[in-house]
Amino acid sequence: AEAMATGLPMVGMDAPGIRDMLSAGKTGLLVPEGDPEALADRTVRLLRDNPLFQRIARAGRSLAEDRFNVRRMVAGYLEIASDMVTGRW
């Protein structure tokens, strides 16, 4: 998420958590888990295809800014705390 927030396109293994952040071909490129050759291939592809690099970088940054917005995160924490205190959790 930090790299995405700085505007870098991401390539990652298709694993839980990573899969949620890197929507295949939109906010990043996914490769099969445990396949270093595919990881290298997708990384080289990004470095050689500037339009793809830029498109994924912009989409990833937008996702990171939206999902990890500090105000939104704090509001979510406060909602959970309120639910716990009132017994709704």
N, C-alpha and C. Protein backbone atom coordinates (compact mmCIF):
# COMPACT_ATOMS: atom_id res chain seq x y z
N ALA A 1 0.82 -1.19 0.00
CA ALA A 1 0.00 0.00 0.00
C ALA A 1 0.87 1.26 0.00
N GLU A 2 2.00 1.21 0.72
CA GLU A 2 2.86 2.39 0.76
C GLU A 2 3.44 2.69 -0.61
N ALA A 3 3.88 1.66 -1.32
CA ALA A 3 4.43 1.87 -2.65
C ALA A 3 3.37 2.40 -3.60
N MET A 4 2.17 1.85 -3.50
CA MET A 4 1.08 2.32 -4.34
C MET A 4 0.78 3.79 -4.06
N ALA A 5 0.80 4.18 -2.79
CA ALA A 5 0.51 5.56 -2.41
C ALA A 5 1.54 6.53 -2.96
N THR A 6 2.76 6.05 -3.21
CA THR A 6 3.79 6.92 -3.78
C THR A 6 3.72 6.96 -5.30
N GLY A 7 2.81 6.20 -5.89
CA GLY A 7 2.64 6.21 -7.34
C GLY A 7 3.44 5.17 -8.08
N LEU A 8 3.87 4.12 -7.39
CA LEU A 8 4.58 3.05 -8.06
C LEU A 8 3.62 1.92 -8.42
N PRO A 9 3.72 1.38 -9.64
CA PRO A 9 2.88 0.24 -9.99
C PRO A 9 3.39 -1.00 -9.28
N MET A 10 2.49 -1.90 -8.96
CA MET A 10 2.88 -3.07 -8.18
C MET A 10 2.68 -4.37 -8.95
N VAL A 11 3.58 -5.30 -8.69
CA VAL A 11 3.48 -6.68 -9.16
C VAL A 11 3.56 -7.54 -7.91
N GLY A 12 2.63 -8.45 -7.75
CA GLY A 12 2.63 -9.27 -6.54
C GLY A 12 2.11 -10.67 -6.79
N MET A 13 2.41 -11.54 -5.84
CA MET A 13 1.96 -12.92 -5.89
C MET A 13 0.45 -12.99 -5.64
N ASP A 14 -0.23 -13.86 -6.33
CA ASP A 14 -1.67 -14.03 -6.19
C ASP A 14 -1.96 -14.79 -4.89
N ALA A 15 -2.00 -14.04 -3.80
CA ALA A 15 -2.23 -14.60 -2.47
C ALA A 15 -3.24 -13.71 -1.75
N PRO A 16 -3.95 -14.27 -0.76
CA PRO A 16 -4.91 -13.45 -0.01
C PRO A 16 -4.24 -12.19 0.52
N GLY A 17 -4.97 -11.10 0.50
CA GLY A 17 -4.44 -9.82 0.94
C GLY A 17 -3.84 -9.06 -0.24
N ILE A 18 -2.87 -9.68 -0.89
CA ILE A 18 -2.26 -9.07 -2.07
C ILE A 18 -3.31 -9.01 -3.18
N ARG A 19 -4.02 -10.10 -3.35
CA ARG A 19 -5.06 -10.20 -4.38
C ARG A 19 -6.10 -9.09 -4.21
N ASP A 20 -6.41 -8.75 -2.96
CA ASP A 20 -7.40 -7.71 -2.69
C ASP A 20 -6.91 -6.33 -3.10
N MET A 21 -5.62 -6.11 -2.99
CA MET A 21 -5.05 -4.80 -3.34
C MET A 21 -4.79 -4.67 -4.83
N LEU A 22 -4.34 -5.74 -5.45
CA LEU A 22 -3.94 -5.69 -6.86
C LEU A 22 -5.00 -6.31 -7.74
N SER A 23 -6.03 -5.57 -7.99
CA SER A 23 -7.08 -6.03 -8.88
C SER A 23 -6.44 -6.28 -10.25
N ALA A 24 -6.37 -7.52 -10.64
CA ALA A 24 -5.61 -7.97 -11.81
C ALA A 24 -5.70 -7.03 -13.02
N GLY A 25 -4.57 -6.44 -13.34
CA GLY A 25 -4.48 -5.60 -14.50
C GLY A 25 -5.00 -4.19 -14.32
N LYS A 26 -5.59 -3.90 -13.18
CA LYS A 26 -6.13 -2.55 -12.95
C LYS A 26 -5.25 -1.78 -11.97
N THR A 27 -5.11 -2.29 -10.77
CA THR A 27 -4.30 -1.60 -9.76
C THR A 27 -2.97 -2.30 -9.54
N GLY A 28 -2.69 -3.32 -10.31
CA GLY A 28 -1.43 -4.04 -10.21
C GLY A 28 -1.47 -5.29 -11.05
N LEU A 29 -0.36 -5.97 -11.11
CA LEU A 29 -0.28 -7.22 -11.86
C LEU A 29 -0.06 -8.37 -10.90
N LEU A 30 -0.83 -9.42 -11.05
CA LEU A 30 -0.71 -10.60 -10.20
C LEU A 30 -0.01 -11.72 -10.95
N VAL A 31 0.78 -12.48 -10.21
CA VAL A 31 1.45 -13.66 -10.76
C VAL A 31 1.13 -14.83 -9.86
N PRO A 32 1.22 -16.05 -10.38
CA PRO A 32 0.96 -17.22 -9.53
C PRO A 32 1.90 -17.24 -8.32
N GLU A 33 1.35 -17.63 -7.20
CA GLU A 33 2.14 -17.70 -5.97
C GLU A 33 3.31 -18.67 -6.15
N GLY A 34 4.49 -18.25 -5.75
CA GLY A 34 5.66 -19.10 -5.82
C GLY A 34 6.30 -19.21 -7.20
N ASP A 35 5.99 -18.26 -8.09
CA ASP A 35 6.53 -18.32 -9.46
C ASP A 35 7.43 -17.11 -9.70
N PRO A 36 8.72 -17.19 -9.32
CA PRO A 36 9.61 -16.04 -9.47
C PRO A 36 9.84 -15.63 -10.93
N GLU A 37 9.75 -16.58 -11.85
CA GLU A 37 9.93 -16.25 -13.26
C GLU A 37 8.79 -15.36 -13.75
N ALA A 38 7.57 -15.67 -13.33
CA ALA A 38 6.42 -14.84 -13.71
C ALA A 38 6.54 -13.46 -13.07
N LEU A 39 7.03 -13.40 -11.84
CA LEU A 39 7.23 -12.13 -11.16
C LEU A 39 8.22 -11.26 -11.94
N ALA A 40 9.32 -11.86 -12.35
CA ALA A 40 10.32 -11.13 -13.13
C ALA A 40 9.75 -10.70 -14.48
N ASP A 41 9.00 -11.59 -15.14
CA ASP A 41 8.41 -11.29 -16.44
C ASP A 41 7.46 -10.11 -16.37
N ARG A 42 6.57 -10.10 -15.36
CA ARG A 42 5.60 -8.99 -15.23
C ARG A 42 6.30 -7.68 -14.86
N THR A 43 7.35 -7.77 -14.07
CA THR A 43 8.10 -6.58 -13.70
C THR A 43 8.76 -5.97 -14.93
N VAL A 44 9.39 -6.80 -15.74
CA VAL A 44 10.01 -6.32 -16.98
C VAL A 44 8.95 -5.74 -17.91
N ARG A 45 7.81 -6.39 -17.97
CA ARG A 45 6.71 -5.89 -18.81
C ARG A 45 6.32 -4.47 -18.41
N LEU A 46 6.19 -4.24 -17.10
CA LEU A 46 5.86 -2.89 -16.62
C LEU A 46 6.94 -1.88 -17.00
N LEU A 47 8.19 -2.27 -16.86
CA LEU A 47 9.28 -1.36 -17.15
C LEU A 47 9.39 -1.03 -18.63
N ARG A 48 8.94 -1.92 -19.48
CA ARG A 48 9.02 -1.71 -20.93
C ARG A 48 7.77 -1.05 -21.52
N ASP A 49 6.67 -1.10 -20.82
CA ASP A 49 5.40 -0.58 -21.33
C ASP A 49 4.98 0.64 -20.50
N ASN A 50 5.47 1.81 -20.90
CA ASN A 50 5.22 3.01 -20.11
C ASN A 50 3.73 3.34 -19.96
N PRO A 51 2.89 3.22 -20.99
CA PRO A 51 1.46 3.49 -20.78
C PRO A 51 0.85 2.56 -19.72
N LEU A 52 1.21 1.27 -19.74
CA LEU A 52 0.73 0.33 -18.73
C LEU A 52 1.25 0.73 -17.36
N PHE A 53 2.54 1.05 -17.28
CA PHE A 53 3.17 1.49 -16.03
C PHE A 53 2.38 2.67 -15.44
N GLN A 54 2.13 3.68 -16.26
CA GLN A 54 1.44 4.89 -15.79
C GLN A 54 -0.01 4.60 -15.39
N ARG A 55 -0.71 3.80 -16.18
CA ARG A 55 -2.12 3.50 -15.89
C ARG A 55 -2.25 2.76 -14.56
N ILE A 56 -1.41 1.74 -14.36
CA ILE A 56 -1.47 0.96 -13.12
C ILE A 56 -1.01 1.81 -11.93
N ALA A 57 0.01 2.63 -12.15
CA ALA A 57 0.49 3.50 -11.07
C ALA A 57 -0.60 4.46 -10.61
N ARG A 58 -1.31 5.08 -11.55
CA ARG A 58 -2.39 6.02 -11.19
C ARG A 58 -3.54 5.31 -10.47
N ALA A 59 -3.93 4.15 -10.99
CA ALA A 59 -5.03 3.40 -10.37
C ALA A 59 -4.65 2.92 -8.97
N GLY A 60 -3.42 2.47 -8.80
CA GLY A 60 -2.96 2.01 -7.50
C GLY A 60 -2.90 3.14 -6.49
N ARG A 61 -2.42 4.29 -6.92
CA ARG A 61 -2.36 5.45 -6.02
C ARG A 61 -3.76 5.87 -5.59
N SER A 62 -4.67 5.89 -6.54
CA SER A 62 -6.05 6.25 -6.23
C SER A 62 -6.66 5.28 -5.22
N LEU A 63 -6.42 3.99 -5.41
CA LEU A 63 -6.92 2.98 -4.48
C LEU A 63 -6.33 3.18 -3.09
N ALA A 64 -5.02 3.38 -3.02
CA ALA A 64 -4.36 3.56 -1.72
C ALA A 64 -4.88 4.81 -1.02
N GLU A 65 -5.05 5.89 -1.76
CA GLU A 65 -5.54 7.12 -1.15
C GLU A 65 -6.97 6.95 -0.63
N ASP A 66 -7.77 6.22 -1.38
CA ASP A 66 -9.16 6.01 -0.97
C ASP A 66 -9.26 5.05 0.21
N ARG A 67 -8.60 3.91 0.10
CA ARG A 67 -8.74 2.86 1.11
C ARG A 67 -8.03 3.20 2.41
N PHE A 68 -6.95 3.95 2.33
CA PHE A 68 -6.17 4.24 3.53
C PHE A 68 -6.21 5.71 3.91
N ASN A 69 -7.31 6.36 3.60
CA ASN A 69 -7.52 7.74 3.99
C ASN A 69 -7.58 7.80 5.52
N VAL A 70 -6.77 8.67 6.12
CA VAL A 70 -6.66 8.72 7.58
C VAL A 70 -8.00 9.04 8.23
N ARG A 71 -8.71 10.00 7.72
CA ARG A 71 -10.01 10.36 8.32
C ARG A 71 -10.98 9.19 8.27
N ARG A 72 -10.99 8.51 7.14
CA ARG A 72 -11.88 7.36 6.98
C ARG A 72 -11.49 6.23 7.93
N MET A 73 -10.20 5.99 8.07
CA MET A 73 -9.74 4.93 8.96
C MET A 73 -10.07 5.25 10.42
N VAL A 74 -9.83 6.50 10.83
CA VAL A 74 -10.13 6.89 12.21
C VAL A 74 -11.63 6.77 12.47
N ALA A 75 -12.45 7.20 11.52
CA ALA A 75 -13.90 7.08 11.69
C ALA A 75 -14.30 5.61 11.86
N GLY A 76 -13.67 4.73 11.11
CA GLY A 76 -13.95 3.30 11.25
C GLY A 76 -13.56 2.77 12.61
N TYR A 77 -12.39 3.18 13.10
CA TYR A 77 -11.95 2.76 14.44
C TYR A 77 -12.90 3.26 15.51
N LEU A 78 -13.34 4.51 15.38
CA LEU A 78 -14.26 5.08 16.36
C LEU A 78 -15.60 4.35 16.34
N GLU A 79 -16.05 3.97 15.16
CA GLU A 79 -17.30 3.23 15.05
C GLU A 79 -17.19 1.87 15.74
N ILE A 80 -16.10 1.19 15.53
CA ILE A 80 -15.89 -0.11 16.18
C ILE A 80 -15.82 0.06 17.70
N ALA A 81 -15.08 1.08 18.16
CA ALA A 81 -14.98 1.32 19.60
C ALA A 81 -16.34 1.63 20.20
N SER A 82 -17.13 2.43 19.51
CA SER A 82 -18.47 2.76 19.98
C SER A 82 -19.34 1.52 20.06
N ASP A 83 -19.25 0.67 19.04
CA ASP A 83 -20.01 -0.57 19.04
C ASP A 83 -19.61 -1.47 20.22
N MET A 84 -18.32 -1.50 20.52
CA MET A 84 -17.84 -2.32 21.64
C MET A 84 -18.36 -1.79 22.97
N VAL A 85 -18.31 -0.48 23.13
CA VAL A 85 -18.73 0.13 24.39
C VAL A 85 -20.24 -0.05 24.61
N THR A 86 -21.01 0.03 23.55
CA THR A 86 -22.47 -0.09 23.67
C THR A 86 -22.95 -1.53 23.60
N GLY A 87 -22.03 -2.46 23.42
CA GLY A 87 -22.40 -3.87 23.39
C GLY A 87 -22.94 -4.35 22.06
N ARG A 88 -22.79 -3.57 21.01
CA ARG A 88 -23.28 -3.99 19.69
C ARG A 88 -22.26 -4.82 18.94
N TRP A 89 -21.12 -5.09 19.55
CA TRP A 89 -20.08 -5.84 18.84
C TRP A 89 -19.87 -7.18 19.41
